[in-house]
Amino acid sequence: MFRSSRLSLSELIELCRSLRHYLGAGLSLVDAFRHQAKSGAARVRPVAARLAAALESGDSLEEALQREPSAFPPLFLALARVGEHTGMLAEVFAELEKYYLRQRKLWRQFVTQIAWPVTEFVLAVFVLAGLILIMGVLADIRGGQPLDPLGLGLAGPSGALIFLGVVGGVLSGLAALYWLVTRRLGGGAATATFLLRLPALGPCLQALALTRFCTALRLTTETGMSIDQAMRLSLSATGNPAFTACSEQIEADLRGGEEVTLALARSGLFPQEFQHMIAIAEESGTLDQVLAHQAEHYQEESSRRLAALTSLAGYAVYGFVGLVIIIAIFRIANWYIGLLG
């Protein structure tokens, strides 16, 4: 299997931590990347060396990062652009470090919760394949009719291999479908909007996008940047095509003198309670504080919803394994009763 060229969460965390430290100590961006090219993680060094060379040649950070789209996730690219435009790169890398730390925690939480259901599923598949094998072999020894425990017409060694091949094929197909949706179709606004409307997955994706949106909008508005430009960068920072696609319409509304709350409401992507919070913040002049609070709120919300999504996936695995085992038990019982008859 080919390894992805994108930096891992751990590598991104260490890179953001180092850049935050170097820039906070007064080093230039070129020197910060030079240090990473010498002392960074193994996969970070060549990327950092190319970025340092691009910056030395006169490119901006945004232009240098545009040449490395496969190494960094969209959020890193978007917020780095925000930091360069606002002169708050150290603060941006600090926020990215905290965000990726939370993402790693969520990923480890997901792996921990899903590990046992997946293990049970794998064991159940091999137990059923062994049952098909054993029943076929016993029937051959006794010279009788082989038992088909699953009702699929499979028995003996060939039946066990076919069963394992079919299960492997189905899992490979599901993996290919996931890759197609997330990597190919996921780049479209229509697909992203559809995913946001799914019952369990949608709220989790929305909470993750709003976490990024609030973080980016707080950083941009703190610098006095125009609200339409801040909104464009913040929507891009969500990393969600559904939010990015409505950027032009929201910018046009804001340039026309529309309030932020009404401009966001027309997109249909922001929940009612979020719009209410932004409306209060606009009236009271506390937008920065409210956005910081909302970023924390949606980070906790995404963690809670991811845990619920993981539990749902676990229950689905339990249900599938239980159903297959029940079917096998009843077919074996019917076979045994038929022998007694």
C-alpha atoms as a PDB file:
ATOM      1  CA  MET A   1       0.000   0.000   0.000  1.00  0.00           C
ATOM      2  CA  PHE A   2       1.304   3.418  -0.917  1.00  0.00           C
ATOM      3  CA  ARG A   3       1.716   5.834   1.947  1.00  0.00           C
ATOM      4  CA  SER A   4      -0.077   9.141   1.679  1.00  0.00           C
ATOM      5  CA  SER A   5       2.129  12.164   1.030  1.00  0.00           C
ATOM      6  CA  ARG A   6       0.054  14.252   3.455  1.00  0.00           C
ATOM      7  CA  LEU A   7       1.685  14.930   6.813  1.00  0.00           C
ATOM      8  CA  SER A   8       0.212  13.003   9.724  1.00  0.00           C
ATOM      9  CA  LEU A   9      -1.523  14.631  12.678  1.00  0.00           C
ATOM     10  CA  SER A  10       1.528  14.104  14.895  1.00  0.00           C
ATOM     11  CA  GLU A  11       3.809  15.698  12.295  1.00  0.00           C
ATOM     12  CA  LEU A  12       1.443  18.651  11.870  1.00  0.00           C
ATOM     13  CA  ILE A  13       1.273  19.137  15.643  1.00  0.00           C
ATOM     14  CA  GLU A  14       5.059  19.219  15.981  1.00  0.00           C
ATOM     15  CA  LEU A  15       5.397  21.540  12.977  1.00  0.00           C
ATOM     16  CA  CYS A  16       2.807  24.000  14.329  1.00  0.00           C
ATOM     17  CA  ARG A  17       4.393  23.884  17.792  1.00  0.00           C
ATOM     18  CA  SER A  18       7.860  24.619  16.400  1.00  0.00           C
ATOM     19  CA  LEU A  19       6.666  27.417  14.123  1.00  0.00           C
ATOM     20  CA  ARG A  20       4.706  28.973  16.991  1.00  0.00           C
ATOM     21  CA  HIS A  21       7.825  28.856  19.170  1.00  0.00           C
ATOM     22  CA  TYR A  22      10.203  30.242  16.516  1.00  0.00           C
ATOM     23  CA  LEU A  23       7.911  33.055  15.392  1.00  0.00           C
ATOM     24  CA  GLY A  24       7.054  33.952  18.977  1.00  0.00           C
ATOM     25  CA  ALA A  25      10.785  34.232  19.721  1.00  0.00           C
ATOM     26  CA  GLY A  26      11.207  36.732  16.886  1.00  0.00           C
ATOM     27  CA  LEU A  27      12.683  34.535  14.151  1.00  0.00           C
ATOM     28  CA  SER A  28      11.688  35.214  10.565  1.00  0.00           C
ATOM     29  CA  LEU A  29       9.480  32.765   8.706  1.00  0.00           C
ATOM     30  CA  VAL A  30      12.405  31.749   6.472  1.00  0.00           C
ATOM     31  CA  ASP A  31      14.594  30.944   9.485  1.00  0.00           C
ATOM     32  CA  ALA A  32      11.751  29.016  11.110  1.00  0.00           C
ATOM     33  CA  PHE A  33      11.405  26.760   8.079  1.00  0.00           C
ATOM     34  CA  ARG A  34      15.192  26.414   7.812  1.00  0.00           C
ATOM     35  CA  HIS A  35      15.257  25.060  11.361  1.00  0.00           C
ATOM     36  CA  GLN A  36      12.498  22.610  10.482  1.00  0.00           C
ATOM     37  CA  ALA A  37      14.416  21.519   7.387  1.00  0.00           C
ATOM     38  CA  LYS A  38      17.322  20.552   9.671  1.00  0.00           C
ATOM     39  CA  SER A  39      15.677  19.349  12.889  1.00  0.00           C
ATOM     40  CA  GLY A  40      12.070  18.577  12.012  1.00  0.00           C
ATOM     41  CA  ALA A  41      10.485  15.169  11.543  1.00  0.00           C
ATOM     42  CA  ALA A  42      11.831  13.075   8.667  1.00  0.00           C
ATOM     43  CA  ARG A  43       8.839  13.702   6.377  1.00  0.00           C
ATOM     44  CA  VAL A  44       8.669  17.400   7.328  1.00  0.00           C
ATOM     45  CA  ARG A  45      12.279  18.224   6.425  1.00  0.00           C
ATOM     46  CA  PRO A  46      12.034  18.111   2.604  1.00  0.00           C
ATOM     47  CA  VAL A  47       8.758  20.058   2.654  1.00  0.00           C
ATOM     48  CA  ALA A  48      10.207  22.689   5.002  1.00  0.00           C
ATOM     49  CA  ALA A  49      13.327  22.983   2.821  1.00  0.00           C
ATOM     50  CA  ARG A  50      11.222  23.659  -0.283  1.00  0.00           C
ATOM     51  CA  LEU A  51       9.114  26.229   1.582  1.00  0.00           C
ATOM     52  CA  ALA A  52      12.225  28.011   2.886  1.00  0.00           C
ATOM     53  CA  ALA A  53      13.676  28.144  -0.638  1.00  0.00           C
ATOM     54  CA  ALA A  54      10.424  29.546  -2.038  1.00  0.00           C
ATOM     55  CA  LEU A  55      10.261  32.213   0.671  1.00  0.00           C
ATOM     56  CA  GLU A  56      13.900  33.184   0.059  1.00  0.00           C
ATOM     57  CA  SER A  57      13.141  33.656  -3.635  1.00  0.00           C
ATOM     58  CA  GLY A  58      10.509  36.259  -2.746  1.00  0.00           C
ATOM     59  CA  ASP A  59       7.319  34.207  -2.690  1.00  0.00           C
ATOM     60  CA  SER A  60       4.712  34.821  -0.032  1.00  0.00           C
ATOM     61  CA  LEU A  61       3.797  32.005   2.347  1.00  0.00           C
ATOM     62  CA  GLU A  62       0.493  31.563   0.511  1.00  0.00           C
ATOM     63  CA  GLU A  63       2.307  31.152  -2.827  1.00  0.00           C
ATOM     64  CA  ALA A  64       4.833  28.749  -1.297  1.00  0.00           C
ATOM     65  CA  LEU A  65       2.132  26.609   0.287  1.00  0.00           C
ATOM     66  CA  GLN A  66       0.196  26.456  -2.988  1.00  0.00           C
ATOM     67  CA  ARG A  67       3.055  24.344  -4.349  1.00  0.00           C
ATOM     68  CA  GLU A  68       2.576  21.818  -1.520  1.00  0.00           C
ATOM     69  CA  PRO A  69      -1.168  21.022  -1.677  1.00  0.00           C
ATOM     70  CA  SER A  70      -0.647  17.296  -1.073  1.00  0.00           C
ATOM     71  CA  ALA A  71       1.414  17.777   2.095  1.00  0.00           C
ATOM     72  CA  PHE A  72      -1.006  19.923   4.107  1.00  0.00           C
ATOM     73  CA  PRO A  73      -4.745  19.632   4.832  1.00  0.00           C
ATOM     74  CA  PRO A  74      -7.078  22.410   3.599  1.00  0.00           C
ATOM     75  CA  LEU A  75      -7.486  23.920   7.078  1.00  0.00           C
ATOM     76  CA  PHE A  76      -3.729  24.425   7.466  1.00  0.00           C
ATOM     77  CA  LEU A  77      -3.515  26.131   4.066  1.00  0.00           C
ATOM     78  CA  ALA A  78      -6.535  28.353   4.734  1.00  0.00           C
ATOM     79  CA  LEU A  79      -5.528  29.466   8.225  1.00  0.00           C
ATOM     80  CA  ALA A  80      -1.900  30.012   7.212  1.00  0.00           C
ATOM     81  CA  ARG A  81      -3.250  32.376   4.573  1.00  0.00           C
ATOM     82  CA  VAL A  82      -5.349  34.061   7.280  1.00  0.00           C
ATOM     83  CA  GLY A  83      -2.279  34.435   9.490  1.00  0.00           C
ATOM     84  CA  GLU A  84      -0.208  35.945   6.693  1.00  0.00           C
ATOM     85  CA  HIS A  85      -2.936  38.426   5.740  1.00  0.00           C
ATOM     86  CA  THR A  86      -3.479  39.468   9.364  1.00  0.00           C
ATOM     87  CA  GLY A  87       0.110  39.370  10.638  1.00  0.00           C
ATOM     88  CA  MET A  88      -0.890  36.805  13.289  1.00  0.00           C
ATOM     89  CA  LEU A  89       1.021  33.741  12.115  1.00  0.00           C
ATOM     90  CA  ALA A  90       2.235  32.820  15.602  1.00  0.00           C
ATOM     91  CA  GLU A  91      -1.321  32.946  16.953  1.00  0.00           C
ATOM     92  CA  VAL A  92      -2.621  30.968  13.959  1.00  0.00           C
ATOM     93  CA  PHE A  93      -0.054  28.201  14.442  1.00  0.00           C
ATOM     94  CA  ALA A  94      -0.959  28.099  18.140  1.00  0.00           C
ATOM     95  CA  GLU A  95      -4.631  27.641  17.213  1.00  0.00           C
ATOM     96  CA  LEU A  96      -3.745  24.982  14.635  1.00  0.00           C
ATOM     97  CA  GLU A  97      -1.641  23.141  17.192  1.00  0.00           C
ATOM     98  CA  LYS A  98      -4.579  23.041  19.627  1.00  0.00           C
ATOM     99  CA  TYR A  99      -6.966  22.025  16.861  1.00  0.00           C
ATOM    100  CA  TYR A 100      -4.793  19.132  15.649  1.00  0.00           C
ATOM    101  CA  LEU A 101      -4.237  17.991  19.228  1.00  0.00           C
ATOM    102  CA  ARG A 102      -8.016  17.760  19.618  1.00  0.00           C
ATOM    103  CA  GLN A 103      -8.294  15.989  16.268  1.00  0.00           C
ATOM    104  CA  ARG A 104      -5.727  13.388  17.363  1.00  0.00           C
ATOM    105  CA  LYS A 105      -7.612  12.882  20.598  1.00  0.00           C
ATOM    106  CA  LEU A 106     -10.866  12.377  18.657  1.00  0.00           C
ATOM    107  CA  TRP A 107      -9.196   9.908  16.295  1.00  0.00           C
ATOM    108  CA  ARG A 108      -7.739   7.874  19.159  1.00  0.00           C
ATOM    109  CA  GLN A 109     -11.116   7.914  20.873  1.00  0.00           C
ATOM    110  CA  PHE A 110     -12.743   6.635  17.670  1.00  0.00           C
ATOM    111  CA  VAL A 111     -10.165   3.849  17.231  1.00  0.00           C
ATOM    112  CA  THR A 112     -10.532   2.767  20.869  1.00  0.00           C
ATOM    113  CA  GLN A 113     -14.319   2.586  20.671  1.00  0.00           C
ATOM    114  CA  ILE A 114     -14.502   0.811  17.312  1.00  0.00           C
ATOM    115  CA  ALA A 115     -11.660  -1.691  17.910  1.00  0.00           C
ATOM    116  CA  TRP A 116     -13.681  -4.314  19.803  1.00  0.00           C
ATOM    117  CA  PRO A 117     -16.712  -4.375  17.449  1.00  0.00           C
ATOM    118  CA  VAL A 118     -14.365  -4.728  14.457  1.00  0.00           C
ATOM    119  CA  THR A 119     -12.479  -7.533  16.222  1.00  0.00           C
ATOM    120  CA  GLU A 120     -15.763  -9.311  16.898  1.00  0.00           C
ATOM    121  CA  PHE A 121     -16.766  -8.957  13.265  1.00  0.00           C
ATOM    122  CA  VAL A 122     -13.486 -10.430  11.998  1.00  0.00           C
ATOM    123  CA  LEU A 123     -13.683 -13.319  14.471  1.00  0.00           C
ATOM    124  CA  ALA A 124     -17.304 -13.998  13.498  1.00  0.00           C
ATOM    125  CA  VAL A 125     -16.374 -14.145   9.798  1.00  0.00           C
ATOM    126  CA  PHE A 126     -13.616 -16.688  10.427  1.00  0.00           C
ATOM    127  CA  VAL A 127     -15.807 -18.724  12.800  1.00  0.00           C
ATOM    128  CA  LEU A 128     -18.521 -18.940  10.145  1.00  0.00           C
ATOM    129  CA  ALA A 129     -15.966 -19.876   7.483  1.00  0.00           C
ATOM    130  CA  GLY A 130     -14.651 -22.573   9.824  1.00  0.00           C
ATOM    131  CA  LEU A 131     -18.211 -23.812  10.404  1.00  0.00           C
ATOM    132  CA  ILE A 132     -18.808 -24.071   6.653  1.00  0.00           C
ATOM    133  CA  LEU A 133     -15.520 -25.976   6.289  1.00  0.00           C
ATOM    134  CA  ILE A 134     -16.138 -28.387   9.191  1.00  0.00           C
ATOM    135  CA  MET A 135     -19.725 -29.205   8.213  1.00  0.00           C
ATOM    136  CA  GLY A 136     -18.658 -29.940   4.648  1.00  0.00           C
ATOM    137  CA  VAL A 137     -15.767 -32.149   5.751  1.00  0.00           C
ATOM    138  CA  LEU A 138     -17.973 -34.098   8.208  1.00  0.00           C
ATOM    139  CA  ALA A 139     -20.560 -34.651   5.480  1.00  0.00           C
ATOM    140  CA  ASP A 140     -17.864 -35.991   3.145  1.00  0.00           C
ATOM    141  CA  ILE A 141     -16.606 -38.373   5.841  1.00  0.00           C
ATOM    142  CA  ARG A 142     -20.096 -39.685   6.636  1.00  0.00           C
ATOM    143  CA  GLY A 143     -21.166 -39.695   3.004  1.00  0.00           C
ATOM    144  CA  GLY A 144     -24.250 -37.574   3.752  1.00  0.00           C
ATOM    145  CA  GLN A 145     -25.732 -34.310   2.617  1.00  0.00           C
ATOM    146  CA  PRO A 146     -23.498 -31.374   3.675  1.00  0.00           C
ATOM    147  CA  LEU A 147     -25.006 -28.814   6.000  1.00  0.00           C
ATOM    148  CA  ASP A 148     -25.256 -25.244   4.687  1.00  0.00           C
ATOM    149  CA  PRO A 149     -25.334 -23.220   7.958  1.00  0.00           C
ATOM    150  CA  LEU A 150     -25.937 -19.850   6.239  1.00  0.00           C
ATOM    151  CA  GLY A 151     -28.299 -20.950   3.476  1.00  0.00           C
ATOM    152  CA  LEU A 152     -25.910 -19.693   0.789  1.00  0.00           C
ATOM    153  CA  GLY A 153     -25.209 -23.043  -0.871  1.00  0.00           C
ATOM    154  CA  LEU A 154     -21.668 -23.120   0.522  1.00  0.00           C
ATOM    155  CA  ALA A 155     -20.030 -26.174   2.070  1.00  0.00           C
ATOM    156  CA  GLY A 156     -16.565 -27.645   2.534  1.00  0.00           C
ATOM    157  CA  PRO A 157     -13.175 -26.028   1.824  1.00  0.00           C
ATOM    158  CA  SER A 158     -14.309 -24.430  -1.441  1.00  0.00           C
ATOM    159  CA  GLY A 159     -17.392 -22.993   0.248  1.00  0.00           C
ATOM    160  CA  ALA A 160     -15.304 -21.518   3.073  1.00  0.00           C
ATOM    161  CA  LEU A 161     -12.938 -19.874   0.574  1.00  0.00           C
ATOM    162  CA  ILE A 162     -15.852 -18.486  -1.453  1.00  0.00           C
ATOM    163  CA  PHE A 163     -17.413 -17.098   1.731  1.00  0.00           C
ATOM    164  CA  LEU A 164     -14.180 -15.370   2.751  1.00  0.00           C
ATOM    165  CA  GLY A 165     -13.738 -14.043  -0.795  1.00  0.00           C
ATOM    166  CA  VAL A 166     -17.266 -12.612  -0.905  1.00  0.00           C
ATOM    167  CA  VAL A 167     -16.873 -10.904   2.503  1.00  0.00           C
ATOM    168  CA  GLY A 168     -13.495  -9.505   1.453  1.00  0.00           C
ATOM    169  CA  GLY A 169     -14.982  -8.277  -1.821  1.00  0.00           C
ATOM    170  CA  VAL A 170     -17.869  -6.539  -0.071  1.00  0.00           C
ATOM    171  CA  LEU A 171     -15.519  -4.814   2.388  1.00  0.00           C
ATOM    172  CA  SER A 172     -13.219  -3.751  -0.473  1.00  0.00           C
ATOM    173  CA  GLY A 173     -16.231  -2.357  -2.334  1.00  0.00           C
ATOM    174  CA  LEU A 174     -17.320  -0.358   0.708  1.00  0.00           C
ATOM    175  CA  ALA A 175     -13.781   0.991   1.130  1.00  0.00           C
ATOM    176  CA  ALA A 176     -13.700   2.005  -2.555  1.00  0.00           C
ATOM    177  CA  LEU A 177     -17.093   3.696  -2.188  1.00  0.00           C
ATOM    178  CA  TYR A 178     -15.857   5.629   0.858  1.00  0.00           C
ATOM    179  CA  TRP A 179     -12.752   6.732  -1.062  1.00  0.00           C
ATOM    180  CA  LEU A 180     -14.866   7.774  -4.040  1.00  0.00           C
ATOM    181  CA  VAL A 181     -17.247   9.833  -1.907  1.00  0.00           C
ATOM    182  CA  THR A 182     -14.611  11.508   0.286  1.00  0.00           C
ATOM    183  CA  ARG A 183     -11.781  12.013  -2.216  1.00  0.00           C
ATOM    184  CA  ARG A 184     -13.530  12.393  -5.572  1.00  0.00           C
ATOM    185  CA  LEU A 185     -17.176  13.340  -5.108  1.00  0.00           C
ATOM    186  CA  GLY A 186     -16.427  14.969  -1.744  1.00  0.00           C
ATOM    187  CA  GLY A 187     -14.880  17.895  -3.596  1.00  0.00           C
ATOM    188  CA  GLY A 188     -18.317  18.954  -4.851  1.00  0.00           C
ATOM    189  CA  ALA A 189     -20.684  21.226  -2.983  1.00  0.00           C
ATOM    190  CA  ALA A 190     -23.710  19.042  -3.825  1.00  0.00           C
ATOM    191  CA  THR A 191     -22.129  15.932  -2.286  1.00  0.00           C
ATOM    192  CA  ALA A 192     -20.946  17.869   0.771  1.00  0.00           C
ATOM    193  CA  THR A 193     -24.443  19.312   1.262  1.00  0.00           C
ATOM    194  CA  PHE A 194     -25.944  15.832   0.974  1.00  0.00           C
ATOM    195  CA  LEU A 195     -23.531  14.500   3.620  1.00  0.00           C
ATOM    196  CA  LEU A 196     -24.452  17.378   5.937  1.00  0.00           C
ATOM    197  CA  ARG A 197     -28.105  16.276   5.760  1.00  0.00           C
ATOM    198  CA  LEU A 198     -27.460  12.672   6.765  1.00  0.00           C
ATOM    199  CA  PRO A 199     -28.928  11.934  10.237  1.00  0.00           C
ATOM    200  CA  ALA A 200     -25.843  10.836  12.184  1.00  0.00           C
ATOM    201  CA  LEU A 201     -22.941  11.950  10.003  1.00  0.00           C
ATOM    202  CA  GLY A 202     -24.269  15.396   9.058  1.00  0.00           C
ATOM    203  CA  PRO A 203     -24.343  17.001  12.536  1.00  0.00           C
ATOM    204  CA  CYS A 204     -20.813  15.751  13.208  1.00  0.00           C
ATOM    205  CA  LEU A 205     -19.481  17.257   9.944  1.00  0.00           C
ATOM    206  CA  GLN A 206     -21.352  20.496  10.636  1.00  0.00           C
ATOM    207  CA  ALA A 207     -19.866  20.792  14.133  1.00  0.00           C
ATOM    208  CA  LEU A 208     -16.330  20.258  12.778  1.00  0.00           C
ATOM    209  CA  ALA A 209     -16.875  22.887  10.055  1.00  0.00           C
ATOM    210  CA  LEU A 210     -18.290  25.417  12.535  1.00  0.00           C
ATOM    211  CA  THR A 211     -15.318  24.893  14.855  1.00  0.00           C
ATOM    212  CA  ARG A 212     -12.972  25.878  12.043  1.00  0.00           C
ATOM    213  CA  PHE A 213     -15.221  28.722  10.896  1.00  0.00           C
ATOM    214  CA  CYS A 214     -15.421  30.315  14.349  1.00  0.00           C
ATOM    215  CA  THR A 215     -11.673  30.013  14.908  1.00  0.00           C
ATOM    216  CA  ALA A 216     -10.834  31.613  11.545  1.00  0.00           C
ATOM    217  CA  LEU A 217     -13.464  34.371  11.815  1.00  0.00           C
ATOM    218  CA  ARG A 218     -12.246  35.331  15.291  1.00  0.00           C
ATOM    219  CA  LEU A 219      -8.646  35.589  14.066  1.00  0.00           C
ATOM    220  CA  THR A 220      -9.596  37.688  11.037  1.00  0.00           C
ATOM    221  CA  THR A 221     -11.990  40.061  12.781  1.00  0.00           C
ATOM    222  CA  GLU A 222      -9.473  40.748  15.565  1.00  0.00           C
ATOM    223  CA  THR A 223      -7.138  42.359  13.021  1.00  0.00           C
ATOM    224  CA  GLY A 224      -9.694  44.832  11.680  1.00  0.00           C
ATOM    225  CA  MET A 225      -9.907  43.112   8.280  1.00  0.00           C
ATOM    226  CA  SER A 226     -13.031  43.947   6.275  1.00  0.00           C
ATOM    227  CA  ILE A 227     -15.902  41.627   7.139  1.00  0.00           C
ATOM    228  CA  ASP A 228     -16.407  40.362   3.567  1.00  0.00           C
ATOM    229  CA  GLN A 229     -12.737  39.388   3.218  1.00  0.00           C
ATOM    230  CA  ALA A 230     -12.741  37.843   6.698  1.00  0.00           C
ATOM    231  CA  MET A 231     -15.853  35.858   5.797  1.00  0.00           C
ATOM    232  CA  ARG A 232     -14.304  34.539   2.570  1.00  0.00           C
ATOM    233  CA  LEU A 233     -11.176  33.320   4.364  1.00  0.00           C
ATOM    234  CA  SER A 234     -13.203  31.843   7.230  1.00  0.00           C
ATOM    235  CA  LEU A 235     -15.542  29.909   4.931  1.00  0.00           C
ATOM    236  CA  SER A 236     -12.508  28.574   3.080  1.00  0.00           C
ATOM    237  CA  ALA A 237     -11.005  27.503   6.417  1.00  0.00           C
ATOM    238  CA  THR A 238     -13.936  25.147   7.085  1.00  0.00           C
ATOM    239  CA  GLY A 239     -12.510  22.739   4.522  1.00  0.00           C
ATOM    240  CA  ASN A 240     -16.104  21.869   3.580  1.00  0.00           C
ATOM    241  CA  PRO A 241     -17.148  22.489  -0.077  1.00  0.00           C
ATOM    242  CA  ALA A 242     -20.744  23.204   0.965  1.00  0.00           C
ATOM    243  CA  PHE A 243     -19.614  26.188   3.058  1.00  0.00           C
ATOM    244  CA  THR A 244     -17.052  27.327   0.489  1.00  0.00           C
ATOM    245  CA  ALA A 245     -19.630  27.296  -2.314  1.00  0.00           C
ATOM    246  CA  CYS A 246     -21.830  29.883  -0.575  1.00  0.00           C
ATOM    247  CA  SER A 247     -18.897  32.276  -0.051  1.00  0.00           C
ATOM    248  CA  GLU A 248     -19.643  34.513  -3.045  1.00  0.00           C
ATOM    249  CA  GLN A 249     -23.299  34.999  -2.111  1.00  0.00           C
ATOM    250  CA  ILE A 250     -22.484  35.808   1.521  1.00  0.00           C
ATOM    251  CA  GLU A 251     -19.737  38.250   0.462  1.00  0.00           C
ATOM    252  CA  ALA A 252     -22.129  39.989  -1.934  1.00  0.00           C
ATOM    253  CA  ASP A 253     -24.738  40.347   0.819  1.00  0.00           C
ATOM    254  CA  LEU A 254     -22.172  41.796   3.219  1.00  0.00           C
ATOM    255  CA  ARG A 255     -20.845  44.262   0.643  1.00  0.00           C
ATOM    256  CA  GLY A 256     -24.438  45.329   0.066  1.00  0.00           C
ATOM    257  CA  GLY A 257     -24.740  46.326   3.718  1.00  0.00           C
ATOM    258  CA  GLU A 258     -26.481  43.183   4.973  1.00  0.00           C
ATOM    259  CA  GLU A 259     -25.997  42.100   8.582  1.00  0.00           C
ATOM    260  CA  VAL A 260     -23.767  39.068   9.201  1.00  0.00           C
ATOM    261  CA  THR A 261     -26.607  37.092  10.758  1.00  0.00           C
ATOM    262  CA  LEU A 262     -28.939  37.533   7.787  1.00  0.00           C
ATOM    263  CA  ALA A 263     -26.175  36.781   5.281  1.00  0.00           C
ATOM    264  CA  LEU A 264     -25.362  33.529   7.071  1.00  0.00           C
ATOM    265  CA  ALA A 265     -29.040  32.607   7.429  1.00  0.00           C
ATOM    266  CA  ARG A 266     -29.594  32.729   3.640  1.00  0.00           C
ATOM    267  CA  SER A 267     -26.986  29.991   3.107  1.00  0.00           C
ATOM    268  CA  GLY A 268     -29.082  27.480   5.072  1.00  0.00           C
ATOM    269  CA  LEU A 269     -25.933  25.886   6.507  1.00  0.00           C
ATOM    270  CA  PHE A 270     -25.750  27.548   9.908  1.00  0.00           C
ATOM    271  CA  PRO A 271     -28.001  26.317  12.742  1.00  0.00           C
ATOM    272  CA  GLN A 272     -30.589  28.619  14.282  1.00  0.00           C
ATOM    273  CA  GLU A 273     -28.911  28.824  17.684  1.00  0.00           C
ATOM    274  CA  PHE A 274     -25.597  29.822  16.050  1.00  0.00           C
ATOM    275  CA  GLN A 275     -27.323  32.633  14.130  1.00  0.00           C
ATOM    276  CA  HIS A 276     -28.952  33.803  17.368  1.00  0.00           C
ATOM    277  CA  MET A 277     -25.570  33.936  19.133  1.00  0.00           C
ATOM    278  CA  ILE A 278     -23.995  35.917  16.280  1.00  0.00           C
ATOM    279  CA  ALA A 279     -26.924  38.359  16.265  1.00  0.00           C
ATOM    280  CA  ILE A 280     -26.477  39.034  19.995  1.00  0.00           C
ATOM    281  CA  ALA A 281     -22.709  39.417  19.536  1.00  0.00           C
ATOM    282  CA  GLU A 282     -23.206  41.946  16.727  1.00  0.00           C
ATOM    283  CA  GLU A 283     -25.561  44.033  18.847  1.00  0.00           C
ATOM    284  CA  SER A 284     -23.329  43.964  21.938  1.00  0.00           C
ATOM    285  CA  GLY A 285     -20.013  44.347  20.112  1.00  0.00           C
ATOM    286  CA  THR A 286     -18.606  41.130  21.614  1.00  0.00           C
ATOM    287  CA  LEU A 287     -18.162  39.154  18.386  1.00  0.00           C
ATOM    288  CA  ASP A 288     -14.598  38.039  19.191  1.00  0.00           C
ATOM    289  CA  GLN A 289     -15.520  36.643  22.598  1.00  0.00           C
ATOM    290  CA  VAL A 290     -18.654  34.925  21.309  1.00  0.00           C
ATOM    291  CA  LEU A 291     -16.740  33.334  18.425  1.00  0.00           C
ATOM    292  CA  ALA A 292     -14.104  31.990  20.825  1.00  0.00           C
ATOM    293  CA  HIS A 293     -16.849  30.554  23.021  1.00  0.00           C
ATOM    294  CA  GLN A 294     -18.652  29.058  20.009  1.00  0.00           C
ATOM    295  CA  ALA A 295     -15.434  27.452  18.747  1.00  0.00           C
ATOM    296  CA  GLU A 296     -15.039  25.660  22.084  1.00  0.00           C
ATOM    297  CA  HIS A 297     -18.725  24.724  22.109  1.00  0.00           C
ATOM    298  CA  TYR A 298     -18.647  23.163  18.647  1.00  0.00           C
ATOM    299  CA  GLN A 299     -15.373  21.399  19.397  1.00  0.00           C
ATOM    300  CA  GLU A 300     -17.070  19.716  22.361  1.00  0.00           C
ATOM    301  CA  GLU A 301     -20.141  19.091  20.202  1.00  0.00           C
ATOM    302  CA  SER A 302     -18.074  17.427  17.486  1.00  0.00           C
ATOM    303  CA  SER A 303     -16.400  15.215  20.104  1.00  0.00           C
ATOM    304  CA  ARG A 304     -19.773  14.187  21.519  1.00  0.00           C
ATOM    305  CA  ARG A 305     -21.297  13.542  18.107  1.00  0.00           C
ATOM    306  CA  LEU A 306     -18.277  11.559  16.961  1.00  0.00           C
ATOM    307  CA  ALA A 307     -18.613   9.379  20.044  1.00  0.00           C
ATOM    308  CA  ALA A 308     -22.305   8.843  19.222  1.00  0.00           C
ATOM    309  CA  LEU A 309     -21.442   8.034  15.596  1.00  0.00           C
ATOM    310  CA  THR A 310     -18.840   5.516  16.754  1.00  0.00           C
ATOM    311  CA  SER A 311     -21.329   3.898  19.124  1.00  0.00           C
ATOM    312  CA  LEU A 312     -23.848   3.647  16.294  1.00  0.00           C
ATOM    313  CA  ALA A 313     -21.261   1.943  14.096  1.00  0.00           C
ATOM    314  CA  GLY A 314     -20.447  -0.444  16.941  1.00  0.00           C
ATOM    315  CA  TYR A 315     -24.112  -1.350  17.465  1.00  0.00           C
ATOM    316  CA  ALA A 316     -24.463  -1.944  13.709  1.00  0.00           C
ATOM    317  CA  VAL A 317     -21.563  -4.410  13.825  1.00  0.00           C
ATOM    318  CA  TYR A 318     -23.030  -6.120  16.901  1.00  0.00           C
ATOM    319  CA  GLY A 319     -26.411  -6.395  15.170  1.00  0.00           C
ATOM    320  CA  PHE A 320     -24.931  -7.846  11.985  1.00  0.00           C
ATOM    321  CA  VAL A 321     -22.829 -10.416  13.835  1.00  0.00           C
ATOM    322  CA  GLY A 322     -25.787 -11.384  16.047  1.00  0.00           C
ATOM    323  CA  LEU A 323     -28.102 -11.789  13.048  1.00  0.00           C
ATOM    324  CA  VAL A 324     -25.666 -14.036  11.203  1.00  0.00           C
ATOM    325  CA  ILE A 325     -25.080 -16.180  14.296  1.00  0.00           C
ATOM    326  CA  ILE A 326     -28.828 -16.532  14.940  1.00  0.00           C
ATOM    327  CA  ILE A 327     -29.410 -17.642  11.334  1.00  0.00           C
ATOM    328  CA  ALA A 328     -26.613 -20.202  11.599  1.00  0.00           C
ATOM    329  CA  ILE A 329     -27.930 -21.561  14.922  1.00  0.00           C
ATOM    330  CA  PHE A 330     -31.477 -22.023  13.587  1.00  0.00           C
ATOM    331  CA  ARG A 331     -30.278 -23.754  10.428  1.00  0.00           C
ATOM    332  CA  ILE A 332     -28.076 -26.126  12.434  1.00  0.00           C
ATOM    333  CA  ALA A 333     -30.980 -26.827  14.808  1.00  0.00           C
ATOM    334  CA  ASN A 334     -33.328 -27.561  11.892  1.00  0.00           C
ATOM    335  CA  TRP A 335     -30.726 -29.868  10.356  1.00  0.00           C
ATOM    336  CA  TYR A 336     -30.299 -31.745  13.629  1.00  0.00           C
ATOM    337  CA  ILE A 337     -34.074 -32.054  14.107  1.00  0.00           C
ATOM    338  CA  GLY A 338     -34.326 -33.421  10.577  1.00  0.00           C
ATOM    339  CA  LEU A 339     -31.717 -36.093  11.416  1.00  0.00           C
ATOM    340  CA  LEU A 340     -33.694 -37.102  14.495  1.00  0.00           C
ATOM    341  CA  GLY A 341     -36.854 -37.329  12.404  1.00  0.00           C
END
